[in-house]
Amino acid sequence: LPISFNAHQAAEFSKSVGVGDEYIEILYRAFWERGENINELEVLKRLATGVVDDLAGLENAIQTRQFHDNVVLFDDDAYNSGIYNVPTFLVGDQRLAEQPYVVLREAVSKIAPPKSSNSA
């Protein structure tokens, strides 16, 4: 299983209780900005404190793999489609792996220029 399987279970649980966006941002920042091990149960519970009201439910969801069917494993399916890094964004005919926001914004603007503020 991927090293983030537990984090994906926790994210799915947070979605089911209506705080998915908030918790996923916390997970993202913990992993990418601070290098925390977001696969560890205690880390996931600590990060959920104050956001997810039902920490026992979160723990149970992780331990029982409650949302297993909601998580696409990073395996042959990903590789067969040309995805080798996370995150990878498909923008037009480009595969942009682990790119900063400025690169993503430029790529998206080339295929979908910003709408004029005078548009109807």
Protein backbone atom coordinates (compact mmCIF):
# COMPACT_ATOMS: atom_id res chain seq x y z
CA LEU A 1 0.00 0.00 0.00
CA PRO A 2 1.17 3.54 -0.63
CA ILE A 3 2.75 5.45 2.23
CA SER A 4 -0.26 7.76 2.29
CA PHE A 5 -3.04 5.16 2.39
CA ASN A 6 -4.01 6.07 5.97
CA ALA A 7 -4.07 9.75 5.06
CA HIS A 8 -6.44 8.97 2.21
CA GLN A 9 -8.68 7.05 4.59
CA ALA A 10 -8.64 10.01 6.98
CA ALA A 11 -9.39 12.43 4.13
CA GLU A 12 -12.34 10.34 3.00
CA PHE A 13 -13.67 10.24 6.57
CA SER A 14 -13.30 14.02 6.87
CA LYS A 15 -15.32 14.42 3.66
CA SER A 16 -18.05 12.18 5.08
CA VAL A 17 -18.44 14.47 8.11
CA GLY A 18 -18.37 17.71 6.11
CA VAL A 19 -14.86 19.01 6.79
CA GLY A 20 -13.00 17.51 3.84
CA ASP A 21 -11.62 20.71 2.37
CA GLU A 22 -10.32 21.97 5.71
CA TYR A 23 -8.70 18.69 6.71
CA ILE A 24 -7.18 18.00 3.29
CA GLU A 25 -5.51 21.42 3.35
CA ILE A 26 -4.07 20.61 6.78
CA LEU A 27 -2.77 17.27 5.48
CA TYR A 28 -1.28 18.92 2.41
CA ARG A 29 0.57 21.54 4.42
CA ALA A 30 1.75 18.99 7.00
CA PHE A 31 3.26 16.80 4.29
CA TRP A 32 4.58 19.32 1.77
CA GLU A 33 5.58 22.20 4.05
CA ARG A 34 6.69 20.41 7.23
CA GLY A 35 7.52 16.92 6.00
CA GLU A 36 5.30 15.19 8.55
CA ASN A 37 4.55 11.48 8.21
CA ILE A 38 0.88 11.68 7.33
CA ASN A 39 0.56 7.90 7.25
CA GLU A 40 0.95 7.64 11.04
CA LEU A 41 -2.29 7.33 12.99
CA GLU A 42 -1.20 9.63 15.81
CA VAL A 43 -0.15 12.33 13.34
CA LEU A 44 -3.48 12.09 11.53
CA LYS A 45 -5.40 12.38 14.80
CA ARG A 46 -3.29 15.33 15.95
CA LEU A 47 -3.83 17.12 12.65
CA ALA A 48 -7.58 16.43 12.87
CA THR A 49 -7.91 17.89 16.37
CA GLY A 50 -10.11 20.97 16.23
CA VAL A 51 -11.34 20.18 12.72
CA VAL A 52 -12.81 16.68 12.90
CA ASP A 53 -15.18 16.38 15.85
CA ASP A 54 -15.29 12.56 15.87
CA LEU A 55 -11.65 11.52 16.37
CA ALA A 56 -12.72 8.01 17.42
CA GLY A 57 -14.64 7.70 14.15
CA LEU A 58 -11.58 8.92 12.25
CA GLU A 59 -9.38 6.35 13.97
CA ASN A 60 -11.90 3.57 13.30
CA ALA A 61 -12.16 4.53 9.62
CA ILE A 62 -8.38 4.32 9.29
CA GLN A 63 -7.99 1.06 11.20
CA THR A 64 -10.86 -0.70 9.41
CA ARG A 65 -10.03 0.77 6.00
CA GLN A 66 -13.61 1.94 5.87
CA PHE A 67 -13.09 3.93 2.66
CA HIS A 68 -10.81 1.46 0.88
CA ASP A 69 -13.02 1.43 -2.21
CA ASN A 70 -12.79 5.25 -2.50
CA VAL A 71 -8.99 5.26 -2.75
CA VAL A 72 -7.28 4.55 -6.06
CA LEU A 73 -3.97 2.92 -5.34
CA PHE A 74 -0.91 4.32 -7.08
CA ASP A 75 0.06 1.28 -9.05
CA ASP A 76 -0.19 -0.19 -12.53
CA ASP A 77 -3.23 1.91 -13.47
CA ALA A 78 -1.35 5.12 -12.75
CA TYR A 79 1.80 3.95 -14.51
CA ASN A 80 -0.18 2.74 -17.53
CA SER A 81 -1.64 6.23 -17.91
CA GLY A 82 1.80 7.86 -17.69
CA ILE A 83 1.53 9.11 -14.12
CA TYR A 84 4.72 8.54 -12.13
CA ASN A 85 4.71 11.40 -9.62
CA VAL A 86 2.23 12.85 -7.15
CA PRO A 87 0.87 15.35 -7.73
CA THR A 88 0.67 15.21 -11.51
CA PHE A 89 -1.71 17.52 -13.33
CA LEU A 90 -2.89 16.83 -16.87
CA VAL A 91 -3.26 20.22 -18.55
CA GLY A 92 -4.15 19.99 -22.21
CA ASP A 93 -1.59 17.60 -23.66
CA GLN A 94 0.96 18.27 -20.91
CA ARG A 95 1.77 16.19 -17.83
CA LEU A 96 2.97 18.54 -15.13
CA ALA A 97 4.48 16.62 -12.23
CA GLU A 98 5.31 18.29 -8.92
CA GLN A 99 5.28 21.78 -10.43
CA PRO A 100 4.94 25.08 -8.56
CA TYR A 101 1.75 27.10 -8.79
CA VAL A 102 3.22 29.60 -11.26
CA VAL A 103 3.94 26.84 -13.80
CA LEU A 104 0.45 25.36 -13.39
CA ARG A 105 -1.18 28.79 -13.72
CA GLU A 106 0.72 29.52 -16.92
CA ALA A 107 -0.18 26.15 -18.44
CA VAL A 108 -3.86 26.54 -17.59
CA SER A 109 -3.96 30.11 -18.89
CA LYS A 110 -2.67 28.93 -22.26
CA ILE A 111 -5.60 26.56 -22.73
CA ALA A 112 -8.25 28.61 -20.90
CA PRO A 113 -7.38 32.33 -20.93
CA PRO A 114 -8.90 34.31 -18.07
CA LYS A 115 -12.33 35.77 -18.81
CA SER A 116 -12.58 39.50 -19.21
CA SER A 117 -14.24 41.26 -16.30
CA ASN A 118 -16.57 42.82 -18.91
CA SER A 119 -17.87 39.43 -20.08
CA ALA A 120 -21.61 38.86 -19.92
